[in-house]
Amino acid sequence: MKYQNAAEVLPEELLKTIQEYFQGGLLYIPGTDEKTKWGSINGAREYYEQRNRQIREAYKENVSMKDLAKQFGLAENTIKKILYQ
């Protein structure tokens, strides 16, 4: 993070308003970037959502939890968690 003089960056009116609340120290102003959700950039989130949909659909078609665990390479407890979400 790079130090910048507020007088060089902010409009004069805004600077005066800030000075009413805070003077002479370092002030951190966080960015407005919203955090991205896990897996949304690399596609992992979409992959797991699609896989879980397939598991739920197969279960509705009477595929057993044991068979689903084998088919998807997951533990039966993981299958249960997906189904009961």
N, C-alpha and C. Protein backbone atom coordinates (compact mmCIF):
# COMPACT_ATOMS: atom_id res chain seq x y z
N MET A 1 0.85 -1.17 0.00
CA MET A 1 0.00 0.00 0.00
C MET A 1 0.90 1.23 0.00
N LYS A 2 0.59 2.16 -0.84
CA LYS A 2 1.42 3.35 -1.03
C LYS A 2 0.80 4.55 -0.31
N TYR A 3 1.64 5.29 0.41
CA TYR A 3 1.19 6.50 1.09
C TYR A 3 0.95 7.59 0.05
N GLN A 4 -0.18 8.29 0.18
CA GLN A 4 -0.47 9.43 -0.69
C GLN A 4 -0.99 10.57 0.16
N ASN A 5 -0.65 11.78 -0.21
CA ASN A 5 -1.11 12.97 0.49
C ASN A 5 -2.56 13.22 0.08
N ALA A 6 -3.45 13.28 1.06
CA ALA A 6 -4.87 13.47 0.77
C ALA A 6 -5.12 14.77 0.03
N ALA A 7 -4.32 15.80 0.30
CA ALA A 7 -4.49 17.09 -0.37
C ALA A 7 -4.24 16.98 -1.87
N GLU A 8 -3.47 15.99 -2.27
CA GLU A 8 -3.18 15.80 -3.70
C GLU A 8 -4.21 14.91 -4.38
N VAL A 9 -4.99 14.18 -3.60
CA VAL A 9 -5.89 13.19 -4.18
C VAL A 9 -7.36 13.59 -4.07
N LEU A 10 -7.74 14.17 -2.94
CA LEU A 10 -9.15 14.45 -2.66
C LEU A 10 -9.54 15.87 -3.04
N PRO A 11 -10.80 16.08 -3.41
CA PRO A 11 -11.28 17.44 -3.64
C PRO A 11 -11.22 18.23 -2.34
N GLU A 12 -11.03 19.54 -2.46
CA GLU A 12 -10.83 20.40 -1.29
C GLU A 12 -11.98 20.32 -0.29
N GLU A 13 -13.21 20.31 -0.77
CA GLU A 13 -14.36 20.25 0.14
C GLU A 13 -14.38 18.94 0.94
N LEU A 14 -14.07 17.84 0.29
CA LEU A 14 -14.04 16.56 0.97
C LEU A 14 -12.90 16.53 1.98
N LEU A 15 -11.76 17.07 1.61
CA LEU A 15 -10.62 17.12 2.52
C LEU A 15 -10.97 17.91 3.78
N LYS A 16 -11.64 19.06 3.63
CA LYS A 16 -12.04 19.86 4.79
C LYS A 16 -13.01 19.10 5.69
N THR A 17 -13.93 18.36 5.08
CA THR A 17 -14.88 17.57 5.85
C THR A 17 -14.16 16.48 6.65
N ILE A 18 -13.23 15.81 6.02
CA ILE A 18 -12.46 14.76 6.71
C ILE A 18 -11.64 15.38 7.84
N GLN A 19 -11.08 16.55 7.61
CA GLN A 19 -10.26 17.21 8.63
C GLN A 19 -11.08 17.58 9.87
N GLU A 20 -12.38 17.74 9.72
CA GLU A 20 -13.22 18.00 10.89
C GLU A 20 -13.22 16.80 11.85
N TYR A 21 -13.04 15.61 11.31
CA TYR A 21 -13.08 14.38 12.09
C TYR A 21 -11.70 13.83 12.44
N PHE A 22 -10.72 14.12 11.59
CA PHE A 22 -9.42 13.46 11.74
C PHE A 22 -8.34 14.35 11.14
N GLN A 23 -7.30 14.67 11.95
CA GLN A 23 -6.21 15.50 11.44
C GLN A 23 -4.86 14.94 11.85
N GLY A 24 -3.91 15.08 10.96
CA GLY A 24 -2.52 14.86 11.29
C GLY A 24 -2.05 13.44 11.51
N GLY A 25 -2.80 12.45 11.14
CA GLY A 25 -2.37 11.07 11.32
C GLY A 25 -2.54 10.29 10.03
N LEU A 26 -2.27 9.02 10.11
CA LEU A 26 -2.47 8.16 8.96
C LEU A 26 -3.88 7.58 9.02
N LEU A 27 -4.57 7.63 7.93
CA LEU A 27 -5.94 7.15 7.85
C LEU A 27 -6.04 6.12 6.74
N TYR A 28 -6.50 4.94 7.08
CA TYR A 28 -6.68 3.88 6.07
C TYR A 28 -8.09 3.98 5.52
N ILE A 29 -8.19 4.01 4.21
CA ILE A 29 -9.50 4.03 3.55
C ILE A 29 -9.59 2.75 2.72
N PRO A 30 -10.44 1.80 3.15
CA PRO A 30 -10.52 0.52 2.43
C PRO A 30 -11.13 0.68 1.05
N GLY A 31 -10.76 -0.22 0.17
CA GLY A 31 -11.31 -0.22 -1.17
C GLY A 31 -12.76 -0.68 -1.17
N THR A 32 -13.43 -0.47 -2.27
CA THR A 32 -14.84 -0.86 -2.38
C THR A 32 -15.01 -2.18 -3.10
N ASP A 33 -13.91 -2.84 -3.44
CA ASP A 33 -14.01 -4.11 -4.15
C ASP A 33 -14.77 -5.12 -3.30
N GLU A 34 -15.81 -5.68 -3.88
CA GLU A 34 -16.55 -6.72 -3.19
C GLU A 34 -15.76 -8.02 -3.30
N LYS A 35 -15.78 -8.80 -2.25
CA LYS A 35 -15.08 -10.07 -2.29
C LYS A 35 -15.83 -11.02 -3.21
N THR A 36 -15.06 -11.75 -3.97
CA THR A 36 -15.68 -12.74 -4.83
C THR A 36 -15.95 -14.00 -4.03
N LYS A 37 -16.98 -14.69 -4.38
CA LYS A 37 -17.32 -15.93 -3.69
C LYS A 37 -16.32 -17.02 -4.05
N TRP A 38 -16.15 -17.95 -3.10
CA TRP A 38 -15.21 -19.03 -3.30
C TRP A 38 -15.53 -19.77 -4.59
N GLY A 39 -14.51 -20.01 -5.40
CA GLY A 39 -14.64 -20.83 -6.60
C GLY A 39 -15.30 -20.16 -7.78
N SER A 40 -15.68 -18.89 -7.65
CA SER A 40 -16.38 -18.24 -8.76
C SER A 40 -15.42 -17.85 -9.89
N ILE A 41 -14.16 -17.67 -9.59
CA ILE A 41 -13.20 -17.27 -10.62
C ILE A 41 -12.72 -18.47 -11.43
N ASN A 42 -12.36 -19.56 -10.76
CA ASN A 42 -11.79 -20.70 -11.46
C ASN A 42 -12.82 -21.74 -11.89
N GLY A 43 -14.09 -21.53 -11.59
CA GLY A 43 -15.15 -22.43 -12.02
C GLY A 43 -15.44 -23.58 -11.07
N ALA A 44 -14.73 -23.65 -9.95
CA ALA A 44 -14.94 -24.75 -9.01
C ALA A 44 -16.35 -24.72 -8.42
N ARG A 45 -16.82 -23.53 -8.14
CA ARG A 45 -18.16 -23.40 -7.55
C ARG A 45 -19.21 -23.99 -8.48
N GLU A 46 -19.13 -23.65 -9.74
CA GLU A 46 -20.09 -24.15 -10.73
C GLU A 46 -19.97 -25.67 -10.88
N TYR A 47 -18.74 -26.17 -10.88
CA TYR A 47 -18.51 -27.61 -11.01
C TYR A 47 -19.19 -28.36 -9.87
N TYR A 48 -18.97 -27.92 -8.63
CA TYR A 48 -19.55 -28.63 -7.48
C TYR A 48 -21.06 -28.48 -7.41
N GLU A 49 -21.59 -27.34 -7.83
CA GLU A 49 -23.05 -27.19 -7.87
C GLU A 49 -23.67 -28.15 -8.87
N GLN A 50 -23.02 -28.28 -10.03
CA GLN A 50 -23.53 -29.20 -11.04
C GLN A 50 -23.42 -30.65 -10.56
N ARG A 51 -22.28 -31.01 -9.96
CA ARG A 51 -22.10 -32.36 -9.44
C ARG A 51 -23.16 -32.68 -8.39
N ASN A 52 -23.41 -31.74 -7.49
CA ASN A 52 -24.41 -31.96 -6.43
C ASN A 52 -25.81 -32.11 -7.00
N ARG A 53 -26.12 -31.36 -8.06
CA ARG A 53 -27.42 -31.51 -8.73
C ARG A 53 -27.55 -32.92 -9.31
N GLN A 54 -26.47 -33.40 -9.92
CA GLN A 54 -26.49 -34.75 -10.49
C GLN A 54 -26.71 -35.79 -9.40
N ILE A 55 -26.08 -35.60 -8.26
CA ILE A 55 -26.24 -36.53 -7.15
C ILE A 55 -27.69 -36.54 -6.67
N ARG A 56 -28.28 -35.36 -6.52
CA ARG A 56 -29.68 -35.27 -6.06
C ARG A 56 -30.64 -35.92 -7.06
N GLU A 57 -30.40 -35.66 -8.35
CA GLU A 57 -31.26 -36.24 -9.39
C GLU A 57 -31.16 -37.76 -9.40
N ALA A 58 -29.94 -38.27 -9.28
CA ALA A 58 -29.75 -39.72 -9.28
C ALA A 58 -30.42 -40.35 -8.05
N TYR A 59 -30.34 -39.67 -6.93
CA TYR A 59 -30.97 -40.18 -5.71
C TYR A 59 -32.49 -40.23 -5.87
N LYS A 60 -33.05 -39.22 -6.54
CA LYS A 60 -34.49 -39.22 -6.80
C LYS A 60 -34.90 -40.39 -7.70
N GLU A 61 -33.96 -40.86 -8.51
CA GLU A 61 -34.21 -41.99 -9.40
C GLU A 61 -33.84 -43.31 -8.72
N ASN A 62 -33.79 -43.29 -7.39
CA ASN A 62 -33.58 -44.48 -6.55
C ASN A 62 -32.19 -45.09 -6.63
N VAL A 63 -31.18 -44.30 -6.94
CA VAL A 63 -29.80 -44.79 -6.85
C VAL A 63 -29.41 -44.68 -5.38
N SER A 64 -28.84 -45.75 -4.83
CA SER A 64 -28.52 -45.77 -3.40
C SER A 64 -27.36 -44.83 -3.07
N MET A 65 -27.30 -44.44 -1.80
CA MET A 65 -26.21 -43.58 -1.36
C MET A 65 -24.86 -44.27 -1.53
N LYS A 66 -24.85 -45.56 -1.31
CA LYS A 66 -23.61 -46.33 -1.44
C LYS A 66 -23.12 -46.30 -2.90
N ASP A 67 -24.05 -46.49 -3.84
CA ASP A 67 -23.69 -46.45 -5.26
C ASP A 67 -23.27 -45.05 -5.69
N LEU A 68 -23.96 -44.03 -5.17
CA LEU A 68 -23.58 -42.65 -5.48
C LEU A 68 -22.17 -42.35 -4.97
N ALA A 69 -21.86 -42.84 -3.77
CA ALA A 69 -20.53 -42.62 -3.21
C ALA A 69 -19.46 -43.24 -4.10
N LYS A 70 -19.71 -44.44 -4.59
CA LYS A 70 -18.75 -45.10 -5.49
C LYS A 70 -18.63 -44.34 -6.81
N GLN A 71 -19.77 -43.97 -7.36
CA GLN A 71 -19.80 -43.32 -8.67
C GLN A 71 -19.06 -41.98 -8.65
N PHE A 72 -19.24 -41.21 -7.59
CA PHE A 72 -18.65 -39.88 -7.54
C PHE A 72 -17.36 -39.82 -6.72
N GLY A 73 -16.94 -40.96 -6.17
CA GLY A 73 -15.69 -41.00 -5.42
C GLY A 73 -15.75 -40.22 -4.12
N LEU A 74 -16.91 -40.28 -3.46
CA LEU A 74 -17.12 -39.55 -2.21
C LEU A 74 -17.50 -40.51 -1.10
N ALA A 75 -17.35 -40.06 0.13
CA ALA A 75 -17.79 -40.86 1.28
C ALA A 75 -19.32 -40.79 1.36
N GLU A 76 -19.90 -41.82 1.93
CA GLU A 76 -21.37 -41.84 2.07
C GLU A 76 -21.85 -40.66 2.93
N ASN A 77 -21.07 -40.29 3.93
CA ASN A 77 -21.45 -39.13 4.76
C ASN A 77 -21.49 -37.85 3.94
N THR A 78 -20.59 -37.72 2.98
CA THR A 78 -20.60 -36.54 2.10
C THR A 78 -21.84 -36.54 1.23
N ILE A 79 -22.20 -37.71 0.73
CA ILE A 79 -23.44 -37.82 -0.08
C ILE A 79 -24.64 -37.41 0.76
N LYS A 80 -24.69 -37.88 2.01
CA LYS A 80 -25.80 -37.50 2.89
C LYS A 80 -25.87 -35.99 3.07
N LYS A 81 -24.73 -35.36 3.29
CA LYS A 81 -24.71 -33.90 3.48
C LYS A 81 -25.23 -33.18 2.24
N ILE A 82 -24.84 -33.68 1.07
CA ILE A 82 -25.31 -33.06 -0.17
C ILE A 82 -26.81 -33.23 -0.32
N LEU A 83 -27.31 -34.42 -0.01
CA LEU A 83 -28.73 -34.69 -0.18
C LEU A 83 -29.60 -33.94 0.82
N TYR A 84 -29.10 -33.73 2.02
CA TYR A 84 -29.91 -33.11 3.06
C TYR A 84 -29.68 -31.62 3.21
N GLN A 85 -28.94 -31.03 2.29
CA GLN A 85 -28.73 -29.58 2.34
C GLN A 85 -30.02 -28.84 2.11
